[in-house]
Protein backbone atom coordinates (compact mmCIF):
# COMPACT_ATOMS: atom_id res chain seq x y z
CA TYR A 1 0.93 23.70 4.21
CA GLN A 2 3.90 22.93 2.02
CA GLN A 3 4.70 19.79 3.99
CA GLY A 4 1.08 18.62 3.71
CA LEU A 5 1.02 19.28 -0.02
CA GLN A 6 4.28 17.42 -0.52
CA LEU A 7 2.91 14.49 1.44
CA ILE A 8 -0.31 14.08 -0.54
CA ALA A 9 1.41 14.78 -3.86
CA SER A 10 4.14 12.20 -3.27
CA PRO A 11 4.24 9.10 -5.49
CA GLU A 12 3.82 6.91 -2.37
CA ALA A 13 0.63 8.71 -1.34
CA GLN A 14 -0.73 8.65 -4.87
CA ALA A 15 -0.11 4.89 -5.02
CA ALA A 16 -1.76 4.30 -1.62
CA PHE A 17 -4.88 6.22 -2.66
CA ASP A 18 -5.27 4.29 -5.94
CA ILE A 19 -7.81 1.66 -4.92
CA HIS A 20 -8.24 0.82 -8.62
CA ALA A 21 -4.90 -1.01 -8.32
CA GLU A 22 -6.75 -3.67 -6.30
CA SER A 23 -8.26 -6.71 -7.96
CA ASP A 24 -11.98 -6.83 -8.61
CA ALA A 25 -12.22 -9.71 -6.11
CA VAL A 26 -10.70 -7.59 -3.31
CA ARG A 27 -12.86 -4.57 -4.14
CA ASP A 28 -15.96 -6.78 -4.27
CA ALA A 29 -15.11 -8.37 -0.89
CA TYR A 30 -15.15 -4.93 0.74
CA GLY A 31 -18.31 -3.98 -1.14
CA ARG A 32 -18.75 -1.62 -4.05
CA HIS A 33 -20.25 1.11 -1.89
CA SER A 34 -18.63 4.16 -0.32
CA PHE A 35 -17.98 2.64 3.11
CA GLY A 36 -16.56 -0.57 1.67
CA GLN A 37 -14.21 1.28 -0.63
CA ARG A 38 -13.14 3.61 2.19
CA ALA A 39 -12.40 0.55 4.36
CA LEU A 40 -10.25 -0.79 1.51
CA LEU A 41 -8.51 2.58 1.30
CA ALA A 42 -7.88 2.41 5.06
CA ARG A 43 -6.12 -0.94 4.58
CA ARG A 44 -4.04 0.51 1.74
CA LEU A 45 -3.05 3.49 3.91
CA VAL A 46 -2.04 1.20 6.79
CA ALA A 47 0.00 -0.89 4.32
CA ALA A 48 1.71 2.32 3.18
CA GLY A 49 2.71 3.13 6.77
CA VAL A 50 -0.02 5.52 7.91
CA PRO A 51 -0.21 4.91 11.68
CA PHE A 52 -3.78 6.06 12.36
CA VAL A 53 -6.81 5.96 10.08
CA THR A 54 -10.38 6.85 11.00
CA LEU A 55 -13.38 5.64 9.02
CA TYR A 56 -16.59 7.53 9.63
CA GLU A 57 -19.92 6.08 8.62
CA GLY A 58 -22.54 8.46 9.91
CA GLY A 59 -26.28 8.28 9.78
CA TRP A 60 -26.91 5.68 12.50
CA ASP A 61 -29.23 7.93 14.52
CA HIS A 62 -32.43 5.99 13.81
CA HIS A 63 -35.13 7.44 16.04
CA THR A 64 -37.66 6.32 13.40
CA ASP A 65 -37.96 3.40 10.95
CA LEU A 66 -35.05 1.48 12.50
CA PHE A 67 -35.70 -1.85 10.81
CA ASP A 68 -35.87 -0.47 7.26
CA ALA A 69 -32.71 1.55 7.81
CA PHE A 70 -30.81 -1.40 9.30
CA GLU A 71 -31.76 -3.71 6.43
CA LYS A 72 -29.93 -1.27 4.15
CA LYS A 73 -27.01 -0.22 6.39
CA VAL A 74 -25.96 -3.24 8.44
CA PRO A 75 -25.13 -5.87 5.78
CA PRO A 76 -22.70 -3.64 3.83
CA PHE A 77 -21.13 -2.33 7.05
CA GLU A 78 -20.61 -5.83 8.45
CA ALA A 79 -19.21 -7.09 5.15
CA ALA A 80 -16.73 -4.21 4.90
CA ILE A 81 -15.49 -4.59 8.49
CA ALA A 82 -15.19 -8.37 8.08
CA ALA A 83 -13.28 -7.89 4.80
CA LEU A 84 -10.96 -5.35 6.44
CA ILE A 85 -10.15 -7.65 9.35
CA GLU A 86 -9.64 -10.68 7.10
CA ASP A 87 -7.53 -8.70 4.61
CA LEU A 88 -5.30 -7.34 7.37
CA ARG A 89 -4.96 -10.88 8.80
CA ALA A 90 -4.14 -12.42 5.41
CA ARG A 91 -1.46 -9.79 4.80
CA GLY A 92 0.10 -10.27 8.25
CA MET A 93 -0.90 -6.77 9.33
CA LEU A 94 -3.67 -7.50 11.85
CA GLU A 95 -1.43 -8.05 14.87
CA ARG A 96 0.09 -4.60 14.41
CA SER A 97 -3.25 -2.95 13.61
CA LEU A 98 -6.19 -2.16 15.87
CA VAL A 99 -9.67 -2.18 14.31
CA VAL A 100 -12.40 -0.60 16.44
CA ALA A 101 -16.07 -0.20 15.52
CA LEU A 102 -18.11 1.87 17.95
CA GLY A 103 -20.57 4.67 18.34
CA GLU A 104 -20.68 7.41 20.90
CA PHE A 105 -23.46 5.80 22.97
CA GLY A 106 -25.92 2.94 23.02
CA ARG A 107 -29.58 2.76 22.15
CA THR A 108 -32.70 2.28 24.24
CA PRO A 109 -33.53 -1.37 24.81
CA LYS A 110 -37.12 -0.79 23.65
CA ILE A 111 -38.36 0.38 20.27
CA ASN A 112 -40.07 3.77 20.56
CA GLU A 113 -43.52 4.67 19.16
CA ARG A 114 -41.91 5.84 15.88
CA GLY A 115 -40.28 2.47 15.22
CA GLY A 116 -36.81 3.60 16.29
CA ARG A 117 -34.50 3.63 19.27
CA ASP A 118 -33.33 6.66 21.20
CA HIS A 119 -30.05 7.57 22.91
CA TRP A 120 -29.01 5.34 25.83
CA SER A 121 -25.78 5.70 27.77
CA ARG A 122 -26.19 2.76 30.13
CA ALA A 123 -25.20 -0.05 27.72
CA TYR A 124 -23.62 -0.23 24.27
CA SER A 125 -21.53 -2.52 22.10
CA ILE A 126 -18.03 -2.19 20.70
CA VAL A 127 -16.11 -4.47 18.36
CA MET A 128 -12.31 -4.59 18.58
CA ALA A 129 -9.92 -6.77 16.58
CA GLY A 130 -6.18 -7.06 16.05
CA ALA A 131 -3.30 -5.65 18.11
CA GLY A 132 -3.34 -8.61 20.45
CA ILE A 133 -7.08 -8.52 21.21
CA PRO A 134 -8.11 -12.13 21.99
CA LYS A 135 -10.30 -13.54 19.22
CA GLY A 136 -13.90 -14.22 20.16
CA LYS A 137 -13.64 -12.72 23.64
CA ILE A 138 -16.74 -11.07 25.05
CA VAL A 139 -16.28 -8.59 27.91
CA GLY A 140 -19.29 -7.63 29.98
CA LYS A 141 -22.89 -8.68 30.02
CA THR A 142 -26.22 -6.88 30.08
CA ASP A 143 -29.53 -7.88 31.57
CA ARG A 144 -32.02 -9.76 29.40
CA THR A 145 -33.33 -6.53 27.82
CA ALA A 146 -29.82 -5.18 27.07
CA GLY A 147 -30.72 -2.14 29.14
CA ASP A 148 -28.22 -2.29 31.98
CA VAL A 149 -24.77 -3.76 32.47
CA VAL A 150 -24.83 -6.59 35.00
CA GLU A 151 -21.30 -7.99 34.64
CA THR A 152 -17.88 -6.38 34.02
CA PRO A 153 -18.90 -2.79 33.33
CA VAL A 154 -16.57 -0.96 30.95
CA SER A 155 -16.57 2.82 30.67
CA PRO A 156 -15.50 4.99 27.72
CA LYS A 157 -12.40 5.80 29.81
CA ASP A 158 -11.60 2.07 29.97
CA VAL A 159 -12.00 1.73 26.20
CA LEU A 160 -9.67 4.69 25.64
CA ALA A 161 -7.11 3.27 28.09
CA THR A 162 -7.22 -0.10 26.28
CA MET A 163 -6.77 1.54 22.88
CA LEU A 164 -3.87 3.67 24.12
CA HIS A 165 -2.19 0.64 25.70
CA LEU A 166 -2.55 -1.38 22.48
CA LEU A 167 -1.07 1.54 20.55
CA GLY A 168 1.94 1.56 22.89
CA ILE A 169 0.92 4.70 24.76
CA ASP A 170 0.85 4.67 28.56
CA PRO A 171 -2.78 5.43 29.48
CA GLN A 172 -1.59 6.91 32.78
CA SER A 173 0.32 9.63 30.89
CA GLU A 174 -0.45 13.25 31.53
CA PHE A 175 0.11 16.37 29.52
CA ARG A 176 0.02 19.99 30.61
CA ASP A 177 -2.42 22.62 29.47
CA ARG A 178 -1.35 26.19 28.68
CA LEU A 179 -1.44 27.07 32.37
CA GLY A 180 0.75 24.12 33.30
CA ARG A 181 -2.06 22.11 34.89
CA PRO A 182 -1.76 18.32 34.52
CA LEU A 183 -4.42 16.66 32.41
CA PRO A 184 -4.67 12.86 32.38
CA LEU A 185 -4.64 11.33 28.91
CA ALA A 186 -7.26 8.71 29.77
CA GLY A 187 -8.57 10.21 32.98
């Protein structure tokens, strides 16, 4: 606890958390909403040397009224992610940073009777940038309804292995549980 308190109370941490030190133009580029300002804070933390930052933007479970919800949520989310990637690139930090935007599963290819989409594990989208990820590359393809993968299927295990590799961690690594049994890191 003492170590954690010293860390967050340090002048370096206090400076990293002060997003008001950013220009209005930078803050506006990320968006003056909670996700945009948290994305800006993530960039500041990475600049301060924090090796791993997670941004959570919940509330995407739209089983009803999908189109109204997306009109409100998608534009600020896209703007914040685009600003984060561009800001990291402009500061020379993108090649040593990995930006990943994903959910835990996909959505049904058809709109349900309540105007929403339900859980769907057979196809989903992920955006990755930085850390050597080729720009503009698309991996995989779905059928015309986006319901099933028809080319280059990628599993969650593959995504994890890719992320570990880009972070310099051997995805084939194992660790041992309390009973000494081997557990694959990305298995």
